Amino acid sequence: RGARSNQSGRFEAYQREAFDDGWGAVAKTGSEGDLPLPDRLATVVLK
């Protein structure tokens, strides 16, 4: 993927900022939890 981030669009009522609370490494190893922090981002096709 080319972009390095995924900030909300300028028309959204709320701006969201991702925050790493330390669970990312755990999710990637699979030892605990199942958080959506993928190495790859699947393409979704909408109509």
All heavy atoms as atom14 arrays in JSON, in Angstrom:
{
  "sequence": "RGARSNQSGRFEAYQREAFDDGWGAVAKTGSEGDLPLPDRLATVVLK",
  "atom14_mask": [
    [1, 1, 1, 1, 1, 1, 1, 1, 1, 1, 1, 0, 0, 0],
    [1, 1, 1, 1, 0, 0, 0, 0, 0, 0, 0, 0, 0, 0],
    [1, 1, 1, 1, 1, 0, 0, 0, 0, 0, 0, 0, 0, 0],
    [1, 1, 1, 1, 1, 1, 1, 1, 1, 1, 1, 0, 0, 0],
    [1, 1, 1, 1, 1, 1, 0, 0, 0, 0, 0, 0, 0, 0],
    [1, 1, 1, 1, 1, 1, 1, 1, 0, 0, 0, 0, 0, 0],
    [1, 1, 1, 1, 1, 1, 1, 1, 1, 0, 0, 0, 0, 0],
    [1, 1, 1, 1, 1, 1, 0, 0, 0, 0, 0, 0, 0, 0],
    [1, 1, 1, 1, 0, 0, 0, 0, 0, 0, 0, 0, 0, 0],
    [1, 1, 1, 1, 1, 1, 1, 1, 1, 1, 1, 0, 0, 0],
    [1, 1, 1, 1, 1, 1, 1, 1, 1, 1, 1, 0, 0, 0],
    [1, 1, 1, 1, 1, 1, 1, 1, 1, 0, 0, 0, 0, 0],
    [1, 1, 1, 1, 1, 0, 0, 0, 0, 0, 0, 0, 0, 0],
    [1, 1, 1, 1, 1, 1, 1, 1, 1, 1, 1, 1, 0, 0],
    [1, 1, 1, 1, 1, 1, 1, 1, 1, 0, 0, 0, 0, 0],
    [1, 1, 1, 1, 1, 1, 1, 1, 1, 1, 1, 0, 0, 0],
    [1, 1, 1, 1, 1, 1, 1, 1, 1, 0, 0, 0, 0, 0],
    [1, 1, 1, 1, 1, 0, 0, 0, 0, 0, 0, 0, 0, 0],
    [1, 1, 1, 1, 1, 1, 1, 1, 1, 1, 1, 0, 0, 0],
    [1, 1, 1, 1, 1, 1, 1, 1, 0, 0, 0, 0, 0, 0],
    [1, 1, 1, 1, 1, 1, 1, 1, 0, 0, 0, 0, 0, 0],
    [1, 1, 1, 1, 0, 0, 0, 0, 0, 0, 0, 0, 0, 0],
    [1, 1, 1, 1, 1, 1, 1, 1, 1, 1, 1, 1, 1, 1],
    [1, 1, 1, 1, 0, 0, 0, 0, 0, 0, 0, 0, 0, 0],
    [1, 1, 1, 1, 1, 0, 0, 0, 0, 0, 0, 0, 0, 0],
    [1, 1, 1, 1, 1, 1, 1, 0, 0, 0, 0, 0, 0, 0],
    [1, 1, 1, 1, 1, 0, 0, 0, 0, 0, 0, 0, 0, 0],
    [1, 1, 1, 1, 1, 1, 1, 1, 1, 0, 0, 0, 0, 0],
    [1, 1, 1, 1, 1, 1, 1, 0, 0, 0, 0, 0, 0, 0],
    [1, 1, 1, 1, 0, 0, 0, 0, 0, 0, 0, 0, 0, 0],
    [1, 1, 1, 1, 1, 1, 0, 0, 0, 0, 0, 0, 0, 0],
    [1, 1, 1, 1, 1, 1, 1, 1, 1, 0, 0, 0, 0, 0],
    [1, 1, 1, 1, 0, 0, 0, 0, 0, 0, 0, 0, 0, 0],
    [1, 1, 1, 1, 1, 1, 1, 1, 0, 0, 0, 0, 0, 0],
    [1, 1, 1, 1, 1, 1, 1, 1, 0, 0, 0, 0, 0, 0],
    [1, 1, 1, 1, 1, 1, 1, 0, 0, 0, 0, 0, 0, 0],
    [1, 1, 1, 1, 1, 1, 1, 1, 0, 0, 0, 0, 0, 0],
    [1, 1, 1, 1, 1, 1, 1, 0, 0, 0, 0, 0, 0, 0],
    [1, 1, 1, 1, 1, 1, 1, 1, 0, 0, 0, 0, 0, 0],
    [1, 1, 1, 1, 1, 1, 1, 1, 1, 1, 1, 0, 0, 0],
    [1, 1, 1, 1, 1, 1, 1, 1, 0, 0, 0, 0, 0, 0],
    [1, 1, 1, 1, 1, 0, 0, 0, 0, 0, 0, 0, 0, 0],
    [1, 1, 1, 1, 1, 1, 1, 0, 0, 0, 0, 0, 0, 0],
    [1, 1, 1, 1, 1, 1, 1, 0, 0, 0, 0, 0, 0, 0],
    [1, 1, 1, 1, 1, 1, 1, 0, 0, 0, 0, 0, 0, 0],
    [1, 1, 1, 1, 1, 1, 1, 1, 0, 0, 0, 0, 0, 0],
    [1, 1, 1, 1, 1, 1, 1, 1, 1, 0, 0, 0, 0, 0]
  ],
  "atom14_positions": [
    [[0.84, -1.19, 0.0], [0.0, 0.0, 0.0], [0.87, 1.24, 0.0], [2.0, 1.23, 0.5], [-0.94, 0.01, 1.21], [-1.88, -1.19, 1.29], [-2.85, -1.22, 0.12], [-3.79, -2.36, 0.2], [-4.72, -2.62, -0.69], [-4.86, -1.83, -1.74], [-5.52, -3.66, -0.55], [0.0, 0.0, 0.0], [0.0, 0.0, 0.0], [0.0, 0.0, 0.0]],
    [[0.34, 2.34, -0.56], [1.13, 3.54, -0.71], [1.03, 4.5, 0.47], [2.03, 4.97, 0.99], [0.0, 0.0, 0.0], [0.0, 0.0, 0.0], [0.0, 0.0, 0.0], [0.0, 0.0, 0.0], [0.0, 0.0, 0.0], [0.0, 0.0, 0.0], [0.0, 0.0, 0.0], [0.0, 0.0, 0.0], [0.0, 0.0, 0.0], [0.0, 0.0, 0.0]],
    [[-0.2, 4.81, 0.91], [-0.4, 5.75, 2.02], [0.12, 5.12, 3.31], [0.11, 3.91, 3.49], [-1.87, 6.11, 2.16], [0.0, 0.0, 0.0], [0.0, 0.0, 0.0], [0.0, 0.0, 0.0], [0.0, 0.0, 0.0], [0.0, 0.0, 0.0], [0.0, 0.0, 0.0], [0.0, 0.0, 0.0], [0.0, 0.0, 0.0], [0.0, 0.0, 0.0]],
    [[0.55, 5.98, 4.21], [1.08, 5.49, 5.48], [0.08, 5.62, 6.62], [0.36, 5.22, 7.75], [2.37, 6.24, 5.86], [3.35, 6.5, 4.74], [3.55, 5.31, 3.82], [4.1, 4.14, 4.46], [4.08, 2.93, 3.93], [3.52, 2.74, 2.76], [4.6, 1.91, 4.58], [0.0, 0.0, 0.0], [0.0, 0.0, 0.0], [0.0, 0.0, 0.0]],
    [[-1.08, 6.22, 6.36], [-2.08, 6.42, 7.41], [-3.48, 6.37, 6.82], [-3.64, 6.25, 5.6], [-1.85, 7.75, 8.13], [-2.05, 8.84, 7.24], [0.0, 0.0, 0.0], [0.0, 0.0, 0.0], [0.0, 0.0, 0.0], [0.0, 0.0, 0.0], [0.0, 0.0, 0.0], [0.0, 0.0, 0.0], [0.0, 0.0, 0.0], [0.0, 0.0, 0.0]],
    [[-4.47, 6.49, 7.68], [-5.86, 6.36, 7.23], [-6.78, 7.29, 8.01], [-7.81, 6.87, 8.53], [-6.32, 4.91, 7.4], [-7.44, 4.55, 6.45], [-7.41, 4.95, 5.29], [-8.43, 3.81, 6.92], [0.0, 0.0, 0.0], [0.0, 0.0, 0.0], [0.0, 0.0, 0.0], [0.0, 0.0, 0.0], [0.0, 0.0, 0.0], [0.0, 0.0, 0.0]],
    [[-6.41, 8.56, 8.07], [-7.19, 9.53, 8.81], [-8.58, 9.72, 8.21], [-8.77, 9.54, 7.01], [-6.47, 10.88, 8.85], [-5.15, 10.84, 9.61], [-5.32, 10.41, 11.06], [-6.21, 10.91, 11.76], [-4.5, 9.48, 11.51], [0.0, 0.0, 0.0], [0.0, 0.0, 0.0], [0.0, 0.0, 0.0], [0.0, 0.0, 0.0], [0.0, 0.0, 0.0]],
    [[-9.54, 10.1, 9.04], [-10.91, 10.34, 8.58], [-10.92, 11.45, 7.53], [-10.07, 12.33, 7.53], [-11.79, 10.76, 9.76], [-11.82, 9.74, 10.74], [0.0, 0.0, 0.0], [0.0, 0.0, 0.0], [0.0, 0.0, 0.0], [0.0, 0.0, 0.0], [0.0, 0.0, 0.0], [0.0, 0.0, 0.0], [0.0, 0.0, 0.0], [0.0, 0.0, 0.0]],
    [[-11.92, 11.41, 6.65], [-12.05, 12.43, 5.62], [-12.46, 13.77, 6.19], [-12.97, 13.86, 7.32], [0.0, 0.0, 0.0], [0.0, 0.0, 0.0], [0.0, 0.0, 0.0], [0.0, 0.0, 0.0], [0.0, 0.0, 0.0], [0.0, 0.0, 0.0], [0.0, 0.0, 0.0], [0.0, 0.0, 0.0], [0.0, 0.0, 0.0], [0.0, 0.0, 0.0]],
    [[-12.26, 14.83, 5.4], [-12.5, 16.18, 5.88], [-13.97, 16.5, 6.11], [-14.3, 17.51, 6.75], [-11.9, 17.19, 4.9], [-12.5, 17.16, 3.5], [-11.68, 17.97, 2.52], [-12.22, 17.93, 1.17], [-12.05, 16.91, 0.33], [-11.38, 15.84, 0.72], [-12.57, 16.96, -0.88], [0.0, 0.0, 0.0], [0.0, 0.0, 0.0], [0.0, 0.0, 0.0]],
    [[-14.88, 15.67, 5.62], [-16.3, 15.93, 5.79], [-16.89, 15.22, 7.0], [-18.08, 15.36, 7.28], [-17.08, 15.52, 4.54], [-16.67, 16.28, 3.31], [-15.96, 15.67, 2.3], [-16.99, 17.62, 3.18], [-15.58, 16.37, 1.17], [-16.61, 18.34, 2.05], [-15.9, 17.71, 1.05], [0.0, 0.0, 0.0], [0.0, 0.0, 0.0], [0.0, 0.0, 0.0]],
    [[-16.09, 14.43, 7.7], [-16.62, 13.67, 8.83], [-16.81, 14.56, 10.05], [-16.04, 15.5, 10.3], [-15.67, 12.51, 9.18], [-15.47, 11.53, 8.03], [-16.79, 11.01, 7.49], [-17.51, 10.35, 8.23], [-17.09, 11.3, 6.31], [0.0, 0.0, 0.0], [0.0, 0.0, 0.0], [0.0, 0.0, 0.0], [0.0, 0.0, 0.0], [0.0, 0.0, 0.0]],
    [[-17.84, 14.25, 10.83], [-18.15, 15.05, 12.02], [-17.08, 14.88, 13.1], [-16.81, 15.79, 13.89], [-19.51, 14.66, 12.58], [0.0, 0.0, 0.0], [0.0, 0.0, 0.0], [0.0, 0.0, 0.0], [0.0, 0.0, 0.0], [0.0, 0.0, 0.0], [0.0, 0.0, 0.0], [0.0, 0.0, 0.0], [0.0, 0.0, 0.0], [0.0, 0.0, 0.0]],
    [[-16.45, 13.7, 13.13], [-15.42, 13.42, 14.14], [-14.14, 12.98, 13.44], [-14.17, 12.23, 12.47], [-15.88, 12.32, 15.1], [-17.14, 12.66, 15.85], [-18.38, 12.2, 15.39], [-17.1, 13.46, 16.99], [-19.55, 12.51, 16.06], [-18.27, 13.78, 17.67], [-19.48, 13.3, 17.2], [-20.64, 13.62, 17.86], [0.0, 0.0, 0.0], [0.0, 0.0, 0.0]],
    [[-13.03, 13.46, 13.96], [-11.72, 13.02, 13.48], [-11.18, 11.99, 14.45], [-11.17, 12.2, 15.66], [-10.75, 14.21, 13.39], [-11.17, 15.26, 12.37], [-11.13, 14.73, 10.96], [-10.17, 14.08, 10.56], [-12.18, 14.99, 10.19], [0.0, 0.0, 0.0], [0.0, 0.0, 0.0], [0.0, 0.0, 0.0], [0.0, 0.0, 0.0], [0.0, 0.0, 0.0]],
    [[-10.74, 10.84, 13.92], [-10.24, 9.75, 14.76], [-8.74, 9.61, 14.57], [-8.25, 9.64, 13.46], [-10.96, 8.45, 14.4], [-12.45, 8.51, 14.74], [-13.19, 7.33, 14.12], [-14.58, 7.32, 14.52], [-15.53, 8.06, 13.96], [-15.21, 8.88, 12.97], [-16.78, 8.01, 14.39], [0.0, 0.0, 0.0], [0.0, 0.0, 0.0], [0.0, 0.0, 0.0]],
    [[-8.07, 9.4, 15.66], [-6.62, 9.23, 15.61], [-6.27, 7.92, 16.26], [-6.65, 7.65, 17.41], [-5.93, 10.38, 16.35], [-4.41, 10.3, 16.28], [-3.74, 11.51, 16.9], [-4.42, 12.54, 17.08], [-2.54, 11.41, 17.21], [0.0, 0.0, 0.0], [0.0, 0.0, 0.0], [0.0, 0.0, 0.0], [0.0, 0.0, 0.0], [0.0, 0.0, 0.0]],
    [[-5.55, 7.05, 15.52], [-5.18, 5.74, 16.06], [-4.15, 5.9, 17.17], [-3.31, 6.8, 17.16], [-4.61, 4.87, 14.94], [0.0, 0.0, 0.0], [0.0, 0.0, 0.0], [0.0, 0.0, 0.0], [0.0, 0.0, 0.0], [0.0, 0.0, 0.0], [0.0, 0.0, 0.0], [0.0, 0.0, 0.0], [0.0, 0.0, 0.0], [0.0, 0.0, 0.0]],
    [[-4.22, 5.03, 18.16], [-3.3, 5.08, 19.29], [-2.83, 3.67, 19.61], [-3.64, 2.75, 19.74], [-3.99, 5.69, 20.52], [-3.15, 5.63, 21.77], [-2.05, 6.47, 21.92], [-3.45, 4.74, 22.78], [-1.27, 6.41, 23.06], [-2.67, 4.67, 23.92], [-1.58, 5.52, 24.07], [0.0, 0.0, 0.0], [0.0, 0.0, 0.0], [0.0, 0.0, 0.0]],
    [[-1.54, 3.48, 19.7], [-0.97, 2.18, 20.0], [-0.84, 2.04, 21.51], [-0.02, 2.71, 22.15], [0.4, 2.04, 19.33], [0.97, 0.64, 19.46], [0.34, -0.19, 20.16], [2.03, 0.37, 18.88], [0.0, 0.0, 0.0], [0.0, 0.0, 0.0], [0.0, 0.0, 0.0], [0.0, 0.0, 0.0], [0.0, 0.0, 0.0], [0.0, 0.0, 0.0]],
    [[-1.68, 1.16, 22.11], [-1.65, 0.98, 23.57], [-0.78, -0.19, 23.99], [-0.81, -0.61, 25.15], [-3.07, 0.8, 24.11], [-3.75, -0.43, 23.53], [-3.1, -1.13, 22.72], [-4.91, -0.7, 23.88], [0.0, 0.0, 0.0], [0.0, 0.0, 0.0], [0.0, 0.0, 0.0], [0.0, 0.0, 0.0], [0.0, 0.0, 0.0], [0.0, 0.0, 0.0]],
    [[-0.01, -0.72, 23.03], [0.89, -1.81, 23.37], [0.38, -3.18, 23.03], [1.11, -4.17, 23.14], [0.0, 0.0, 0.0], [0.0, 0.0, 0.0], [0.0, 0.0, 0.0], [0.0, 0.0, 0.0], [0.0, 0.0, 0.0], [0.0, 0.0, 0.0], [0.0, 0.0, 0.0], [0.0, 0.0, 0.0], [0.0, 0.0, 0.0], [0.0, 0.0, 0.0]],
    [[-0.89, -3.28, 22.62], [-1.45, -4.58, 22.3], [-1.14, -5.03, 20.88], [-1.39, -6.17, 20.51], [-2.97, -4.56, 22.49], [-3.37, -4.63, 23.93], [-3.67, -3.58, 24.74], [-3.48, -5.8, 24.73], [-3.98, -4.01, 25.99], [-3.87, -5.39, 26.03], [-3.29, -7.16, 24.49], [-4.07, -6.28, 27.07], [-3.5, -8.05, 25.52], [-3.89, -7.62, 26.8]],
    [[-0.59, -4.14, 20.07], [-0.34, -4.49, 18.67], [0.57, -5.68, 18.51], [0.29, -6.6, 17.76], [0.0, 0.0, 0.0], [0.0, 0.0, 0.0], [0.0, 0.0, 0.0], [0.0, 0.0, 0.0], [0.0, 0.0, 0.0], [0.0, 0.0, 0.0], [0.0, 0.0, 0.0], [0.0, 0.0, 0.0], [0.0, 0.0, 0.0], [0.0, 0.0, 0.0]],
    [[1.69, -5.67, 19.22], [2.65, -6.77, 19.1], [2.02, -8.08, 19.55], [2.27, -9.15, 18.98], [3.9, -6.47, 19.94], [0.0, 0.0, 0.0], [0.0, 0.0, 0.0], [0.0, 0.0, 0.0], [0.0, 0.0, 0.0], [0.0, 0.0, 0.0], [0.0, 0.0, 0.0], [0.0, 0.0, 0.0], [0.0, 0.0, 0.0], [0.0, 0.0, 0.0]],
    [[1.17, -8.02, 20.6], [0.51, -9.24, 21.09], [-0.42, -9.8, 20.03], [-0.45, -10.99, 19.75], [-0.28, -8.93, 22.38], [-1.08, -10.16, 22.82], [0.67, -8.49, 23.48], [0.0, 0.0, 0.0], [0.0, 0.0, 0.0], [0.0, 0.0, 0.0], [0.0, 0.0, 0.0], [0.0, 0.0, 0.0], [0.0, 0.0, 0.0], [0.0, 0.0, 0.0]],
    [[-1.18, -8.9, 19.4], [-2.13, -9.35, 18.37], [-1.42, -10.0, 17.2], [-1.89, -10.98, 16.64], [-2.96, -8.16, 17.9], [0.0, 0.0, 0.0], [0.0, 0.0, 0.0], [0.0, 0.0, 0.0], [0.0, 0.0, 0.0], [0.0, 0.0, 0.0], [0.0, 0.0, 0.0], [0.0, 0.0, 0.0], [0.0, 0.0, 0.0], [0.0, 0.0, 0.0]],
    [[-0.26, -9.46, 16.84], [0.46, -10.01, 15.69], [1.05, -11.37, 15.98], [1.18, -12.22, 15.11], [1.54, -9.03, 15.25], [0.98, -7.79, 14.54], [2.08, -6.87, 14.1], [1.49, -5.65, 13.4], [2.53, -4.72, 12.96], [0.0, 0.0, 0.0], [0.0, 0.0, 0.0], [0.0, 0.0, 0.0], [0.0, 0.0, 0.0], [0.0, 0.0, 0.0]],
    [[1.45, -11.61, 17.25], [2.0, -12.91, 17.59], [0.91, -13.95, 17.8], [1.16, -15.15, 17.76], [2.84, -12.82, 18.89], [1.98, -12.4, 19.95], [3.96, -11.83, 18.73], [0.0, 0.0, 0.0], [0.0, 0.0, 0.0], [0.0, 0.0, 0.0], [0.0, 0.0, 0.0], [0.0, 0.0, 0.0], [0.0, 0.0, 0.0], [0.0, 0.0, 0.0]],
    [[-0.34, -13.47, 18.03], [-1.45, -14.39, 18.22], [-1.51, -14.96, 19.62], [-2.3, -15.86, 19.89], [0.0, 0.0, 0.0], [0.0, 0.0, 0.0], [0.0, 0.0, 0.0], [0.0, 0.0, 0.0], [0.0, 0.0, 0.0], [0.0, 0.0, 0.0], [0.0, 0.0, 0.0], [0.0, 0.0, 0.0], [0.0, 0.0, 0.0], [0.0, 0.0, 0.0]],
    [[-0.68, -14.46, 20.55], [-0.67, -15.02, 21.9], [-1.86, -14.58, 22.73], [-2.27, -15.26, 23.65], [0.62, -14.62, 22.62], [0.7, -13.2, 22.7], [0.0, 0.0, 0.0], [0.0, 0.0, 0.0], [0.0, 0.0, 0.0], [0.0, 0.0, 0.0], [0.0, 0.0, 0.0], [0.0, 0.0, 0.0], [0.0, 0.0, 0.0], [0.0, 0.0, 0.0]],
    [[-2.44, -13.44, 22.39], [-3.6, -12.97, 23.13], [-4.4, -12.02, 22.25], [-3.83, -11.24, 21.49], [-3.16, -12.21, 24.39], [-3.75, -12.77, 25.67], [-3.3, -11.94, 26.84], [-2.15, -12.11, 27.24], [-4.11, -11.14, 27.35], [0.0, 0.0, 0.0], [0.0, 0.0, 0.0], [0.0, 0.0, 0.0], [0.0, 0.0, 0.0], [0.0, 0.0, 0.0]],
    [[-5.72, -12.09, 22.3], [-6.54, -11.12, 21.58], [-6.57, -11.38, 20.08], [-5.92, -12.28, 19.56], [0.0, 0.0, 0.0], [0.0, 0.0, 0.0], [0.0, 0.0, 0.0], [0.0, 0.0, 0.0], [0.0, 0.0, 0.0], [0.0, 0.0, 0.0], [0.0, 0.0, 0.0], [0.0, 0.0, 0.0], [0.0, 0.0, 0.0], [0.0, 0.0, 0.0]],
    [[-7.33, -10.54, 19.41], [-7.45, -10.66, 17.96], [-7.72, -9.27, 17.39], [-8.78, -9.0, 16.85], [-8.59, -11.62, 17.6], [-8.63, -11.91, 16.12], [-7.6, -11.71, 15.45], [-9.69, -12.32, 15.63], [0.0, 0.0, 0.0], [0.0, 0.0, 0.0], [0.0, 0.0, 0.0], [0.0, 0.0, 0.0], [0.0, 0.0, 0.0], [0.0, 0.0, 0.0]],
    [[-6.78, -8.37, 17.51], [-6.98, -6.99, 17.11], [-6.71, -6.8, 15.62], [-5.85, -7.48, 15.05], [-6.06, -6.07, 17.93], [-6.25, -6.14, 19.44], [-5.32, -5.14, 20.13], [-7.7, -5.83, 19.82], [0.0, 0.0, 0.0], [0.0, 0.0, 0.0], [0.0, 0.0, 0.0], [0.0, 0.0, 0.0], [0.0, 0.0, 0.0], [0.0, 0.0, 0.0]],
    [[-7.42, -5.86, 14.98], [-7.28, -5.67, 13.52], [-6.07, -4.84, 13.14], [-6.18, -3.7, 12.75], [-8.59, -4.94, 13.16], [-8.9, -4.15, 14.39], [-8.46, -5.01, 15.54], [0.0, 0.0, 0.0], [0.0, 0.0, 0.0], [0.0, 0.0, 0.0], [0.0, 0.0, 0.0], [0.0, 0.0, 0.0], [0.0, 0.0, 0.0], [0.0, 0.0, 0.0]],
    [[-4.89, -5.44, 13.31], [-3.66, -4.73, 12.96], [-2.9, -5.56, 11.93], [-1.89, -6.18, 12.22], [-2.79, -4.53, 14.21], [-3.44, -3.71, 15.34], [-2.53, -3.69, 16.56], [-3.73, -2.31, 14.89], [0.0, 0.0, 0.0], [0.0, 0.0, 0.0], [0.0, 0.0, 0.0], [0.0, 0.0, 0.0], [0.0, 0.0, 0.0], [0.0, 0.0, 0.0]],
    [[-3.39, -5.6, 10.68], [-2.83, -6.52, 9.7], [-1.53, -6.04, 9.08], [-1.28, -4.85, 8.98], [-3.94, -6.55, 8.62], [-4.52, -5.17, 8.7], [-4.48, -4.79, 10.16], [0.0, 0.0, 0.0], [0.0, 0.0, 0.0], [0.0, 0.0, 0.0], [0.0, 0.0, 0.0], [0.0, 0.0, 0.0], [0.0, 0.0, 0.0], [0.0, 0.0, 0.0]],
    [[-0.7, -7.0, 8.67], [0.45, -6.66, 7.84], [-0.01, -6.36, 6.42], [0.64, -5.63, 5.7], [1.46, -7.81, 7.82], [2.26, -7.9, 9.11], [2.48, -6.84, 9.71], [2.61, -9.02, 9.51], [0.0, 0.0, 0.0], [0.0, 0.0, 0.0], [0.0, 0.0, 0.0], [0.0, 0.0, 0.0], [0.0, 0.0, 0.0], [0.0, 0.0, 0.0]],
    [[-1.13, -6.95, 6.03], [-1.69, -6.72, 4.7], [-3.14, -6.26, 4.86], [-3.83, -6.67, 5.78], [-1.64, -8.0, 3.86], [-0.22, -8.47, 3.56], [-0.23, -9.68, 2.63], [1.12, -10.16, 2.41], [1.94, -9.68, 1.49], [1.55, -8.69, 0.71], [3.16, -10.18, 1.34], [0.0, 0.0, 0.0], [0.0, 0.0, 0.0], [0.0, 0.0, 0.0]],
    [[-3.56, -5.43, 3.96], [-4.9, -4.86, 4.0], [-5.65, -5.36, 2.77], [-5.3, -5.03, 1.65], [-4.83, -3.34, 4.01], [-6.05, -2.57, 4.49], [-6.41, -2.94, 5.92], [-5.79, -1.08, 4.38], [0.0, 0.0, 0.0], [0.0, 0.0, 0.0], [0.0, 0.0, 0.0], [0.0, 0.0, 0.0], [0.0, 0.0, 0.0], [0.0, 0.0, 0.0]],
    [[-6.68, -6.17, 2.98], [-7.42, -6.74, 1.86], [-8.23, -5.67, 1.14], [-8.7, -4.71, 1.75], [-8.34, -7.84, 2.37], [0.0, 0.0, 0.0], [0.0, 0.0, 0.0], [0.0, 0.0, 0.0], [0.0, 0.0, 0.0], [0.0, 0.0, 0.0], [0.0, 0.0, 0.0], [0.0, 0.0, 0.0], [0.0, 0.0, 0.0], [0.0, 0.0, 0.0]],
    [[-8.39, -5.85, -0.15], [-9.22, -4.94, -0.95], [-10.69, -5.35, -0.82], [-11.03, -6.52, -0.93], [-8.81, -4.99, -2.43], [-7.47, -4.52, -2.55], [-9.73, -4.13, -3.28], [0.0, 0.0, 0.0], [0.0, 0.0, 0.0], [0.0, 0.0, 0.0], [0.0, 0.0, 0.0], [0.0, 0.0, 0.0], [0.0, 0.0, 0.0], [0.0, 0.0, 0.0]],
    [[-11.53, -4.37, -0.57], [-12.98, -4.58, -0.49], [-13.62, -3.84, -1.67], [-13.34, -2.66, -1.88], [-13.55, -4.05, 0.84], [-15.07, -4.18, 0.85], [-12.93, -4.78, 2.02], [0.0, 0.0, 0.0], [0.0, 0.0, 0.0], [0.0, 0.0, 0.0], [0.0, 0.0, 0.0], [0.0, 0.0, 0.0], [0.0, 0.0, 0.0], [0.0, 0.0, 0.0]],
    [[-14.46, -4.53, -2.45], [-15.13, -3.92, -3.6], [-16.59, -3.66, -3.25], [-17.31, -4.58, -2.84], [-15.03, -4.81, -4.85], [-15.74, -4.16, -6.03], [-13.57, -5.07, -5.2], [0.0, 0.0, 0.0], [0.0, 0.0, 0.0], [0.0, 0.0, 0.0], [0.0, 0.0, 0.0], [0.0, 0.0, 0.0], [0.0, 0.0, 0.0], [0.0, 0.0, 0.0]],
    [[-17.01, -2.42, -3.38], [-18.38, -2.01, -3.09], [-19.07, -1.58, -4.37], [-18.41, -1.16, -5.33], [-18.38, -0.86, -2.08], [-17.61, -1.1, -0.78], [-17.5, 0.18, 0.01], [-18.29, -2.18, 0.04], [0.0, 0.0, 0.0], [0.0, 0.0, 0.0], [0.0, 0.0, 0.0], [0.0, 0.0, 0.0], [0.0, 0.0, 0.0], [0.0, 0.0, 0.0]],
    [[-20.38, -1.65, -4.4], [-21.12, -1.25, -5.59], [-21.39, 0.24, -5.59], [-21.86, 0.8, -4.61], [-22.44, -2.0, -5.68], [-23.26, -1.64, -6.93], [-24.56, -2.43, -7.01], [-25.35, -2.03, -8.25], [-26.6, -2.79, -8.38], [0.0, 0.0, 0.0], [0.0, 0.0, 0.0], [0.0, 0.0, 0.0], [0.0, 0.0, 0.0], [0.0, 0.0, 0.0]]
  ]
}
